[in-house]
Amino acid sequence: MAKTLSRAARDALAATDWNAIDAMTDEDIARQIASNPDAAPDMALEIDVRAIRRAAGMTQAQFAAAYEFSVRTIQEWERGAKKPSGPARTLLRAIKADPEGLRKALAAA
């Protein structure tokens, strides 16, 4: 079932010059991103949460408990419903690099 757009969204889409957008070069896009970094797309590399968890030899519940995530969050990341961002991405990269060391550090804190 398609989601109904708000009037503001419909108006914004109707006012968009799609031909101008299609004609943009990579340089045009880079200039726009440089002038407004908040408008830049998320270009972060994908993080395979399932692979990180499995390499640590843990179930979803064990992984969530050890690293202070909710089980639901792990499930959503693993099925692709959501993507980790910000501090979660940093934590996942640290887990990937040294899962046991990070578990010890968190347990000692």
PDB file of N, CA and C in Angstrom:
ATOM      1  N   MET A   1       0.846  -1.168   0.000  1.00  0.00           N
ATOM      2  CA  MET A   1       0.000   0.000   0.000  1.00  0.00           C
ATOM      3  C   MET A   1       0.896   1.238   0.000  1.00  0.00           C
ATOM      4  N   ALA A   2       0.685   2.103  -0.946  1.00  0.00           N
ATOM      5  CA  ALA A   2       1.490   3.311  -1.077  1.00  0.00           C
ATOM      6  C   ALA A   2       1.098   4.332  -0.022  1.00  0.00           C
ATOM      7  N   LYS A   3       2.091   5.034   0.480  1.00  0.00           N
ATOM      8  CA  LYS A   3       1.859   6.065   1.476  1.00  0.00           C
ATOM      9  C   LYS A   3       1.410   7.342   0.761  1.00  0.00           C
ATOM     10  N   THR A   4       0.406   8.006   1.294  1.00  0.00           N
ATOM     11  CA  THR A   4      -0.093   9.242   0.711  1.00  0.00           C
ATOM     12  C   THR A   4       0.836  10.387   1.084  1.00  0.00           C
ATOM     13  N   LEU A   5       1.228  11.161   0.086  1.00  0.00           N
ATOM     14  CA  LEU A   5       2.103  12.307   0.338  1.00  0.00           C
ATOM     15  C   LEU A   5       1.297  13.490   0.862  1.00  0.00           C
ATOM     16  N   SER A   6       1.944  14.278   1.694  1.00  0.00           N
ATOM     17  CA  SER A   6       1.303  15.494   2.177  1.00  0.00           C
ATOM     18  C   SER A   6       1.215  16.500   1.034  1.00  0.00           C
ATOM     19  N   ARG A   7       0.393  17.491   1.213  1.00  0.00           N
ATOM     20  CA  ARG A   7       0.266  18.538   0.188  1.00  0.00           C
ATOM     21  C   ARG A   7       1.604  19.234  -0.033  1.00  0.00           C
ATOM     22  N   ALA A   8       2.331  19.501   1.062  1.00  0.00           N
ATOM     23  CA  ALA A   8       3.627  20.163   0.944  1.00  0.00           C
ATOM     24  C   ALA A   8       4.601  19.319   0.122  1.00  0.00           C
ATOM     25  N   ALA A   9       4.590  18.011   0.349  1.00  0.00           N
ATOM     26  CA  ALA A   9       5.482  17.128  -0.411  1.00  0.00           C
ATOM     27  C   ALA A   9       5.088  17.104  -1.882  1.00  0.00           C
ATOM     28  N   ARG A  10       3.787  17.025  -2.159  1.00  0.00           N
ATOM     29  CA  ARG A  10       3.318  17.038  -3.560  1.00  0.00           C
ATOM     30  C   ARG A  10       3.704  18.344  -4.243  1.00  0.00           C
ATOM     31  N   ASP A  11       3.537  19.469  -3.536  1.00  0.00           N
ATOM     32  CA  ASP A  11       3.898  20.772  -4.106  1.00  0.00           C
ATOM     33  C   ASP A  11       5.397  20.851  -4.383  1.00  0.00           C
ATOM     34  N   ALA A  12       6.207  20.339  -3.449  1.00  0.00           N
ATOM     35  CA  ALA A  12       7.659  20.376  -3.632  1.00  0.00           C
ATOM     36  C   ALA A  12       8.071  19.525  -4.831  1.00  0.00           C
ATOM     37  N   LEU A  13       7.465  18.364  -4.964  1.00  0.00           N
ATOM     38  CA  LEU A  13       7.784  17.504  -6.114  1.00  0.00           C
ATOM     39  C   LEU A  13       7.361  18.150  -7.427  1.00  0.00           C
ATOM     40  N   ALA A  14       6.203  18.788  -7.435  1.00  0.00           N
ATOM     41  CA  ALA A  14       5.714  19.444  -8.648  1.00  0.00           C
ATOM     42  C   ALA A  14       6.587  20.634  -9.033  1.00  0.00           C
ATOM     43  N   ALA A  15       7.171  21.295  -8.034  1.00  0.00           N
ATOM     44  CA  ALA A  15       7.985  22.482  -8.297  1.00  0.00           C
ATOM     45  C   ALA A  15       9.432  22.129  -8.673  1.00  0.00           C
ATOM     46  N   THR A  16       9.792  20.874  -8.554  1.00  0.00           N
ATOM     47  CA  THR A  16      11.162  20.453  -8.835  1.00  0.00           C
ATOM     48  C   THR A  16      11.405  20.392 -10.337  1.00  0.00           C
ATOM     49  N   ASP A  17      12.519  20.955 -10.753  1.00  0.00           N
ATOM     50  CA  ASP A  17      12.927  20.916 -12.162  1.00  0.00           C
ATOM     51  C   ASP A  17      13.747  19.635 -12.364  1.00  0.00           C
ATOM     52  N   TRP A  18      13.047  18.549 -12.685  1.00  0.00           N
ATOM     53  CA  TRP A  18      13.703  17.249 -12.802  1.00  0.00           C
ATOM     54  C   TRP A  18      14.699  17.207 -13.962  1.00  0.00           C
ATOM     55  N   ASN A  19      14.451  17.953 -15.016  1.00  0.00           N
ATOM     56  CA  ASN A  19      15.400  17.996 -16.133  1.00  0.00           C
ATOM     57  C   ASN A  19      16.725  18.604 -15.692  1.00  0.00           C
ATOM     58  N   ALA A  20      16.652  19.653 -14.874  1.00  0.00           N
ATOM     59  CA  ALA A  20      17.876  20.277 -14.369  1.00  0.00           C
ATOM     60  C   ALA A  20      18.638  19.314 -13.460  1.00  0.00           C
ATOM     61  N   ILE A  21      17.913  18.573 -12.664  1.00  0.00           N
ATOM     62  CA  ILE A  21      18.556  17.607 -11.778  1.00  0.00           C
ATOM     63  C   ILE A  21      19.212  16.497 -12.597  1.00  0.00           C
ATOM     64  N   ASP A  22      18.507  15.996 -13.602  1.00  0.00           N
ATOM     65  CA  ASP A  22      19.069  14.945 -14.458  1.00  0.00           C
ATOM     66  C   ASP A  22      20.304  15.420 -15.212  1.00  0.00           C
ATOM     67  N   ALA A  23      20.375  16.709 -15.500  1.00  0.00           N
ATOM     68  CA  ALA A  23      21.492  17.262 -16.270  1.00  0.00           C
ATOM     69  C   ALA A  23      22.714  17.577 -15.401  1.00  0.00           C
ATOM     70  N   MET A  24      22.596  17.437 -14.089  1.00  0.00           N
ATOM     71  CA  MET A  24      23.708  17.779 -13.208  1.00  0.00           C
ATOM     72  C   MET A  24      24.882  16.823 -13.419  1.00  0.00           C
ATOM     73  N   THR A  25      26.062  17.396 -13.414  1.00  0.00           N
ATOM     74  CA  THR A  25      27.276  16.592 -13.516  1.00  0.00           C
ATOM     75  C   THR A  25      27.763  16.255 -12.111  1.00  0.00           C
ATOM     76  N   ASP A  26      28.748  15.368 -12.044  1.00  0.00           N
ATOM     77  CA  ASP A  26      29.341  15.043 -10.746  1.00  0.00           C
ATOM     78  C   ASP A  26      29.955  16.287 -10.109  1.00  0.00           C
ATOM     79  N   GLU A  27      30.527  17.156 -10.939  1.00  0.00           N
ATOM     80  CA  GLU A  27      31.125  18.382 -10.421  1.00  0.00           C
ATOM     81  C   GLU A  27      30.049  19.304  -9.829  1.00  0.00           C
ATOM     82  N   ASP A  28      28.885  19.393 -10.506  1.00  0.00           N
ATOM     83  CA  ASP A  28      27.776  20.196  -9.981  1.00  0.00           C
ATOM     84  C   ASP A  28      27.339  19.672  -8.615  1.00  0.00           C
ATOM     85  N   ILE A  29      27.232  18.365  -8.519  1.00  0.00           N
ATOM     86  CA  ILE A  29      26.805  17.742  -7.263  1.00  0.00           C
ATOM     87  C   ILE A  29      27.844  18.009  -6.178  1.00  0.00           C
ATOM     88  N   ALA A  30      29.120  17.864  -6.514  1.00  0.00           N
ATOM     89  CA  ALA A  30      30.191  18.110  -5.542  1.00  0.00           C
ATOM     90  C   ALA A  30      30.161  19.553  -5.055  1.00  0.00           C
ATOM     91  N   ARG A  31      29.899  20.507  -5.954  1.00  0.00           N
ATOM     92  CA  ARG A  31      29.812  21.923  -5.553  1.00  0.00           C
ATOM     93  C   ARG A  31      28.646  22.133  -4.587  1.00  0.00           C
ATOM     94  N   GLN A  32      27.511  21.522  -4.878  1.00  0.00           N
ATOM     95  CA  GLN A  32      26.356  21.687  -3.982  1.00  0.00           C
ATOM     96  C   GLN A  32      26.628  21.078  -2.613  1.00  0.00           C
ATOM     97  N   ILE A  33      27.267  19.921  -2.588  1.00  0.00           N
ATOM     98  CA  ILE A  33      27.591  19.292  -1.309  1.00  0.00           C
ATOM     99  C   ILE A  33      28.574  20.160  -0.529  1.00  0.00           C
ATOM    100  N   ALA A  34      29.570  20.712  -1.227  1.00  0.00           N
ATOM    101  CA  ALA A  34      30.559  21.572  -0.562  1.00  0.00           C
ATOM    102  C   ALA A  34      29.908  22.816   0.027  1.00  0.00           C
ATOM    103  N   SER A  35      28.882  23.327  -0.640  1.00  0.00           N
ATOM    104  CA  SER A  35      28.232  24.532  -0.139  1.00  0.00           C
ATOM    105  C   SER A  35      27.231  24.236   0.980  1.00  0.00           C
ATOM    106  N   ASN A  36      26.782  22.986   1.081  1.00  0.00           N
ATOM    107  CA  ASN A  36      25.828  22.606   2.124  1.00  0.00           C
ATOM    108  C   ASN A  36      26.086  21.157   2.526  1.00  0.00           C
ATOM    109  N   PRO A  37      27.068  20.912   3.408  1.00  0.00           N
ATOM    110  CA  PRO A  37      27.411  19.546   3.771  1.00  0.00           C
ATOM    111  C   PRO A  37      26.260  18.774   4.411  1.00  0.00           C
ATOM    112  N   ASP A  38      25.290  19.470   4.998  1.00  0.00           N
ATOM    113  CA  ASP A  38      24.153  18.776   5.597  1.00  0.00           C
ATOM    114  C   ASP A  38      23.273  18.114   4.548  1.00  0.00           C
ATOM    115  N   ALA A  39      23.386  18.547   3.305  1.00  0.00           N
ATOM    116  CA  ALA A  39      22.572  17.981   2.241  1.00  0.00           C
ATOM    117  C   ALA A  39      23.249  16.795   1.559  1.00  0.00           C
ATOM    118  N   ALA A  40      24.466  16.474   1.980  1.00  0.00           N
ATOM    119  CA  ALA A  40      25.211  15.390   1.344  1.00  0.00           C
ATOM    120  C   ALA A  40      24.563  14.041   1.649  1.00  0.00           C
ATOM    121  N   PRO A  41      24.539  13.155   0.670  1.00  0.00           N
ATOM    122  CA  PRO A  41      24.003  11.814   0.915  1.00  0.00           C
ATOM    123  C   PRO A  41      24.932  11.037   1.836  1.00  0.00           C
ATOM    124  N   ASP A  42      24.398  10.053   2.516  1.00  0.00           N
ATOM    125  CA  ASP A  42      25.194   9.198   3.385  1.00  0.00           C
ATOM    126  C   ASP A  42      26.012   8.260   2.502  1.00  0.00           C
ATOM    127  N   MET A  43      27.308   8.487   2.452  1.00  0.00           N
ATOM    128  CA  MET A  43      28.185   7.690   1.602  1.00  0.00           C
ATOM    129  C   MET A  43      29.001   6.681   2.423  1.00  0.00           C
ATOM    130  N   ALA A  44      28.612   6.493   3.678  1.00  0.00           N
ATOM    131  CA  ALA A  44      29.341   5.565   4.536  1.00  0.00           C
ATOM    132  C   ALA A  44      29.225   4.146   3.992  1.00  0.00           C
ATOM    133  N   LEU A  45      30.293   3.409   4.117  1.00  0.00           N
ATOM    134  CA  LEU A  45      30.295   2.027   3.663  1.00  0.00           C
ATOM    135  C   LEU A  45      29.320   1.205   4.493  1.00  0.00           C
ATOM    136  N   GLU A  46      28.764   0.199   3.858  1.00  0.00           N
ATOM    137  CA  GLU A  46      27.844  -0.691   4.561  1.00  0.00           C
ATOM    138  C   GLU A  46      28.579  -1.451   5.663  1.00  0.00           C
ATOM    139  N   ILE A  47      27.879  -1.710   6.730  1.00  0.00           N
ATOM    140  CA  ILE A  47      28.426  -2.512   7.820  1.00  0.00           C
ATOM    141  C   ILE A  47      27.586  -3.777   7.906  1.00  0.00           C
ATOM    142  N   ASP A  48      28.242  -4.922   7.820  1.00  0.00           N
ATOM    143  CA  ASP A  48      27.543  -6.211   7.880  1.00  0.00           C
ATOM    144  C   ASP A  48      27.462  -6.648   9.335  1.00  0.00           C
ATOM    145  N   VAL A  49      26.395  -6.251   9.984  1.00  0.00           N
ATOM    146  CA  VAL A  49      26.226  -6.518  11.409  1.00  0.00           C
ATOM    147  C   VAL A  49      26.177  -8.019  11.671  1.00  0.00           C
ATOM    148  N   ARG A  50      25.483  -8.757  10.818  1.00  0.00           N
ATOM    149  CA  ARG A  50      25.379 -10.211  10.999  1.00  0.00           C
ATOM    150  C   ARG A  50      26.780 -10.844  10.964  1.00  0.00           C
ATOM    151  N   ALA A  51      27.613 -10.433  10.021  1.00  0.00           N
ATOM    152  CA  ALA A  51      28.961 -10.995   9.922  1.00  0.00           C
ATOM    153  C   ALA A  51      29.791 -10.646  11.160  1.00  0.00           C
ATOM    154  N   ILE A  52      29.650  -9.431  11.653  1.00  0.00           N
ATOM    155  CA  ILE A  52      30.385  -9.020  12.859  1.00  0.00           C
ATOM    156  C   ILE A  52      29.932  -9.860  14.047  1.00  0.00           C
ATOM    157  N   ARG A  53      28.620 -10.014  14.174  1.00  0.00           N
ATOM    158  CA  ARG A  53      28.070 -10.798  15.295  1.00  0.00           C
ATOM    159  C   ARG A  53      28.515 -12.256  15.208  1.00  0.00           C
ATOM    160  N   ARG A  54      28.421 -12.838  14.023  1.00  0.00           N
ATOM    161  CA  ARG A  54      28.804 -14.249  13.859  1.00  0.00           C
ATOM    162  C   ARG A  54      30.293 -14.455  14.100  1.00  0.00           C
ATOM    163  N   ALA A  55      31.116 -13.494  13.644  1.00  0.00           N
ATOM    164  CA  ALA A  55      32.563 -13.604  13.876  1.00  0.00           C
ATOM    165  C   ALA A  55      32.872 -13.570  15.374  1.00  0.00           C
ATOM    166  N   ALA A  56      32.016 -12.870  16.134  1.00  0.00           N
ATOM    167  CA  ALA A  56      32.179 -12.821  17.588  1.00  0.00           C
ATOM    168  C   ALA A  56      31.636 -14.089  18.247  1.00  0.00           C
ATOM    169  N   GLY A  57      30.972 -14.943  17.445  1.00  0.00           N
ATOM    170  CA  GLY A  57      30.448 -16.207  17.966  1.00  0.00           C
ATOM    171  C   GLY A  57      29.274 -16.040  18.908  1.00  0.00           C
ATOM    172  N   MET A  58      28.405 -15.051  18.595  1.00  0.00           N
ATOM    173  CA  MET A  58      27.306 -14.746  19.508  1.00  0.00           C
ATOM    174  C   MET A  58      25.954 -14.822  18.814  1.00  0.00           C
ATOM    175  N   THR A  59      24.928 -15.130  19.610  1.00  0.00           N
ATOM    176  CA  THR A  59      23.555 -15.026  19.128  1.00  0.00           C
ATOM    177  C   THR A  59      23.182 -13.545  19.128  1.00  0.00           C
ATOM    178  N   GLN A  60      22.047 -13.244  18.529  1.00  0.00           N
ATOM    179  CA  GLN A  60      21.581 -11.855  18.547  1.00  0.00           C
ATOM    180  C   GLN A  60      21.394 -11.368  19.980  1.00  0.00           C
ATOM    181  N   ALA A  61      20.815 -12.204  20.826  1.00  0.00           N
ATOM    182  CA  ALA A  61      20.564 -11.815  22.219  1.00  0.00           C
ATOM    183  C   ALA A  61      21.874 -11.596  22.980  1.00  0.00           C
ATOM    184  N   GLN A  62      22.846 -12.474  22.773  1.00  0.00           N
ATOM    185  CA  GLN A  62      24.138 -12.334  23.442  1.00  0.00           C
ATOM    186  C   GLN A  62      24.854 -11.061  22.977  1.00  0.00           C
ATOM    187  N   PHE A  63      24.828 -10.820  21.662  1.00  0.00           N
ATOM    188  CA  PHE A  63      25.482  -9.650  21.081  1.00  0.00           C
ATOM    189  C   PHE A  63      24.854  -8.369  21.625  1.00  0.00           C
ATOM    190  N   ALA A  64      23.531  -8.340  21.639  1.00  0.00           N
ATOM    191  CA  ALA A  64      22.813  -7.166  22.142  1.00  0.00           C
ATOM    192  C   ALA A  64      23.160  -6.899  23.606  1.00  0.00           C
ATOM    193  N   ALA A  65      23.164  -7.941  24.413  1.00  0.00           N
ATOM    194  CA  ALA A  65      23.464  -7.773  25.837  1.00  0.00           C
ATOM    195  C   ALA A  65      24.913  -7.346  26.060  1.00  0.00           C
ATOM    196  N   ALA A  66      25.834  -7.947  25.330  1.00  0.00           N
ATOM    197  CA  ALA A  66      27.253  -7.657  25.536  1.00  0.00           C
ATOM    198  C   ALA A  66      27.617  -6.229  25.159  1.00  0.00           C
ATOM    199  N   TYR A  67      26.976  -5.707  24.105  1.00  0.00           N
ATOM    200  CA  TYR A  67      27.365  -4.396  23.597  1.00  0.00           C
ATOM    201  C   TYR A  67      26.299  -3.322  23.796  1.00  0.00           C
ATOM    202  N   GLU A  68      25.304  -3.645  24.621  1.00  0.00           N
ATOM    203  CA  GLU A  68      24.276  -2.686  25.026  1.00  0.00           C
ATOM    204  C   GLU A  68      23.422  -2.152  23.884  1.00  0.00           C
ATOM    205  N   PHE A  69      23.058  -3.057  22.964  1.00  0.00           N
ATOM    206  CA  PHE A  69      22.070  -2.776  21.931  1.00  0.00           C
ATOM    207  C   PHE A  69      20.787  -3.494  22.336  1.00  0.00           C
ATOM    208  N   SER A  70      19.669  -3.117  21.734  1.00  0.00           N
ATOM    209  CA  SER A  70      18.470  -3.924  21.940  1.00  0.00           C
ATOM    210  C   SER A  70      18.472  -5.049  20.900  1.00  0.00           C
ATOM    211  N   VAL A  71      17.847  -6.161  21.251  1.00  0.00           N
ATOM    212  CA  VAL A  71      17.750  -7.277  20.310  1.00  0.00           C
ATOM    213  C   VAL A  71      17.018  -6.814  19.054  1.00  0.00           C
ATOM    214  N   ARG A  72      15.991  -6.028  19.238  1.00  0.00           N
ATOM    215  CA  ARG A  72      15.220  -5.541  18.090  1.00  0.00           C
ATOM    216  C   ARG A  72      16.100  -4.727  17.125  1.00  0.00           C
ATOM    217  N   THR A  73      16.972  -3.894  17.680  1.00  0.00           N
ATOM    218  CA  THR A  73      17.875  -3.111  16.836  1.00  0.00           C
ATOM    219  C   THR A  73      18.772  -4.033  16.018  1.00  0.00           C
ATOM    220  N   ILE A  74      19.335  -5.057  16.660  1.00  0.00           N
ATOM    221  CA  ILE A  74      20.179  -6.017  15.945  1.00  0.00           C
ATOM    222  C   ILE A  74      19.373  -6.683  14.830  1.00  0.00           C
ATOM    223  N   GLN A  75      18.164  -7.095  15.133  1.00  0.00           N
ATOM    224  CA  GLN A  75      17.307  -7.738  14.126  1.00  0.00           C
ATOM    225  C   GLN A  75      17.041  -6.803  12.949  1.00  0.00           C
ATOM    226  N   GLU A  76      16.726  -5.552  13.232  1.00  0.00           N
ATOM    227  CA  GLU A  76      16.440  -4.586  12.161  1.00  0.00           C
ATOM    228  C   GLU A  76      17.670  -4.328  11.298  1.00  0.00           C
ATOM    229  N   TRP A  77      18.837  -4.223  11.922  1.00  0.00           N
ATOM    230  CA  TRP A  77      20.066  -4.030  11.151  1.00  0.00           C
ATOM    231  C   TRP A  77      20.334  -5.237  10.272  1.00  0.00           C
ATOM    232  N   GLU A  78      20.182  -6.422  10.837  1.00  0.00           N
ATOM    233  CA  GLU A  78      20.524  -7.629  10.094  1.00  0.00           C
ATOM    234  C   GLU A  78      19.572  -7.898   8.934  1.00  0.00           C
ATOM    235  N   ARG A  79      18.342  -7.518   9.060  1.00  0.00           N
ATOM    236  CA  ARG A  79      17.430  -7.744   7.939  1.00  0.00           C
ATOM    237  C   ARG A  79      17.372  -6.543   6.986  1.00  0.00           C
ATOM    238  N   GLY A  80      18.105  -5.479   7.288  1.00  0.00           N
ATOM    239  CA  GLY A  80      18.195  -4.326   6.404  1.00  0.00           C
ATOM    240  C   GLY A  80      17.075  -3.325   6.554  1.00  0.00           C
ATOM    241  N   ALA A  81      16.258  -3.456   7.590  1.00  0.00           N
ATOM    242  CA  ALA A  81      15.163  -2.513   7.805  1.00  0.00           C
ATOM    243  C   ALA A  81      15.702  -1.156   8.247  1.00  0.00           C
ATOM    244  N   LYS A  82      16.815  -1.168   8.940  1.00  0.00           N
ATOM    245  CA  LYS A  82      17.473   0.057   9.389  1.00  0.00           C
ATOM    246  C   LYS A  82      18.973  -0.127   9.230  1.00  0.00           C
ATOM    247  N   LYS A  83      19.684   1.013   9.216  1.00  0.00           N
ATOM    248  CA  LYS A  83      21.136   0.979   9.121  1.00  0.00           C
ATOM    249  C   LYS A  83      21.729   1.639  10.354  1.00  0.00           C
ATOM    250  N   PRO A  84      22.806   1.061  10.880  1.00  0.00           N
ATOM    251  CA  PRO A  84      23.460   1.718  12.004  1.00  0.00           C
ATOM    252  C   PRO A  84      24.101   3.026  11.544  1.00  0.00           C
ATOM    253  N   SER A  85      24.056   4.015  12.404  1.00  0.00           N
ATOM    254  CA  SER A  85      24.671   5.293  12.058  1.00  0.00           C
ATOM    255  C   SER A  85      25.355   5.877  13.280  1.00  0.00           C
ATOM    256  N   GLY A  86      26.152   6.898  13.057  1.00  0.00           N
ATOM    257  CA  GLY A  86      26.803   7.632  14.134  1.00  0.00           C
ATOM    258  C   GLY A  86      27.573   6.751  15.092  1.00  0.00           C
ATOM    259  N   PRO A  87      27.329   6.915  16.395  1.00  0.00           N
ATOM    260  CA  PRO A  87      28.075   6.167  17.401  1.00  0.00           C
ATOM    261  C   PRO A  87      27.931   4.647  17.246  1.00  0.00           C
ATOM    262  N   ALA A  88      26.787   4.182  16.775  1.00  0.00           N
ATOM    263  CA  ALA A  88      26.596   2.741  16.590  1.00  0.00           C
ATOM    264  C   ALA A  88      27.568   2.205  15.547  1.00  0.00           C
ATOM    265  N   ARG A  89      27.779   2.958  14.469  1.00  0.00           N
ATOM    266  CA  ARG A  89      28.740   2.536  13.436  1.00  0.00           C
ATOM    267  C   ARG A  89      30.148   2.445  14.040  1.00  0.00           C
ATOM    268  N   THR A  90      30.499   3.425  14.857  1.00  0.00           N
ATOM    269  CA  THR A  90      31.815   3.435  15.491  1.00  0.00           C
ATOM    270  C   THR A  90      31.965   2.235  16.415  1.00  0.00           C
ATOM    271  N   LEU A  91      30.942   1.971  17.205  1.00  0.00           N
ATOM    272  CA  LEU A  91      30.981   0.831  18.116  1.00  0.00           C
ATOM    273  C   LEU A  91      31.086  -0.475  17.335  1.00  0.00           C
ATOM    274  N   LEU A  92      30.341  -0.616  16.263  1.00  0.00           N
ATOM    275  CA  LEU A  92      30.390  -1.840  15.461  1.00  0.00           C
ATOM    276  C   LEU A  92      31.773  -2.046  14.835  1.00  0.00           C
ATOM    277  N   ARG A  93      32.399  -0.959  14.405  1.00  0.00           N
ATOM    278  CA  ARG A  93      33.757  -1.072  13.857  1.00  0.00           C
ATOM    279  C   ARG A  93      34.733  -1.521  14.942  1.00  0.00           C
ATOM    280  N   ALA A  94      34.556  -1.025  16.155  1.00  0.00           N
ATOM    281  CA  ALA A  94      35.414  -1.437  17.271  1.00  0.00           C
ATOM    282  C   ALA A  94      35.165  -2.903  17.620  1.00  0.00           C
ATOM    283  N   ILE A  95      33.911  -3.319  17.605  1.00  0.00           N
ATOM    284  CA  ILE A  95      33.578  -4.720  17.873  1.00  0.00           C
ATOM    285  C   ILE A  95      34.236  -5.612  16.828  1.00  0.00           C
ATOM    286  N   LYS A  96      34.153  -5.202  15.578  1.00  0.00           N
ATOM    287  CA  LYS A  96      34.753  -5.994  14.495  1.00  0.00           C
ATOM    288  C   LYS A  96      36.258  -6.144  14.702  1.00  0.00           C
ATOM    289  N   ALA A  97      36.914  -5.080  15.131  1.00  0.00           N
ATOM    290  CA  ALA A  97      38.362  -5.107  15.315  1.00  0.00           C
ATOM    291  C   ALA A  97      38.791  -5.944  16.514  1.00  0.00           C
ATOM    292  N   ASP A  98      38.041  -5.883  17.618  1.00  0.00           N
ATOM    293  CA  ASP A  98      38.443  -6.586  18.836  1.00  0.00           C
ATOM    294  C   ASP A  98      37.220  -6.862  19.708  1.00  0.00           C
ATOM    295  N   PRO A  99      36.414  -7.857  19.329  1.00  0.00           N
ATOM    296  CA  PRO A  99      35.176  -8.102  20.087  1.00  0.00           C
ATOM    297  C   PRO A  99      35.420  -8.441  21.556  1.00  0.00           C
ATOM    298  N   GLU A 100      36.418  -9.258  21.838  1.00  0.00           N
ATOM    299  CA  GLU A 100      36.674  -9.656  23.222  1.00  0.00           C
ATOM    300  C   GLU A 100      37.205  -8.489  24.039  1.00  0.00           C
ATOM    301  N   GLY A 101      38.115  -7.724  23.467  1.00  0.00           N
ATOM    302  CA  GLY A 101      38.667  -6.566  24.172  1.00  0.00           C
ATOM    303  C   GLY A 101      37.598  -5.545  24.505  1.00  0.00           C
ATOM    304  N   LEU A 102      36.694  -5.325  23.579  1.00  0.00           N
ATOM    305  CA  LEU A 102      35.618  -4.367  23.821  1.00  0.00           C
ATOM    306  C   LEU A 102      34.648  -4.886  24.880  1.00  0.00           C
ATOM    307  N   ARG A 103      34.365  -6.202  24.846  1.00  0.00           N
ATOM    308  CA  ARG A 103      33.497  -6.786  25.890  1.00  0.00           C
ATOM    309  C   ARG A 103      34.110  -6.574  27.263  1.00  0.00           C
ATOM    310  N   LYS A 104      35.422  -6.801  27.358  1.00  0.00           N
ATOM    311  CA  LYS A 104      36.111  -6.621  28.645  1.00  0.00           C
ATOM    312  C   LYS A 104      36.064  -5.162  29.083  1.00  0.00           C
ATOM    313  N   ALA A 105      36.297  -4.260  28.153  1.00  0.00           N
ATOM    314  CA  ALA A 105      36.276  -2.830  28.468  1.00  0.00           C
ATOM    315  C   ALA A 105      34.897  -2.392  28.947  1.00  0.00           C
ATOM    316  N   LEU A 106      33.854  -2.870  28.297  1.00  0.00           N
ATOM    317  CA  LEU A 106      32.499  -2.503  28.698  1.00  0.00           C
ATOM    318  C   LEU A 106      32.124  -3.108  30.035  1.00  0.00           C
ATOM    319  N   ALA A 107      32.580  -4.326  30.283  1.00  0.00           N
ATOM    320  CA  ALA A 107      32.278  -4.988  31.553  1.00  0.00           C
ATOM    321  C   ALA A 107      32.986  -4.291  32.716  1.00  0.00           C
ATOM    322  N   ALA A 108      34.169  -3.751  32.460  1.00  0.00           N
ATOM    323  CA  ALA A 108      34.937  -3.088  33.509  1.00  0.00           C
ATOM    324  C   ALA A 108      34.405  -1.677  33.809  1.00  0.00           C
ATOM    325  N   ALA A 109      33.692  -1.101  32.855  1.00  0.00           N
ATOM    326  CA  ALA A 109      33.222   0.286  33.019  1.00  0.00           C
ATOM    327  C   ALA A 109      32.101   0.385  34.027  1.00  0.00           C
TER     328      ALA A 109
END
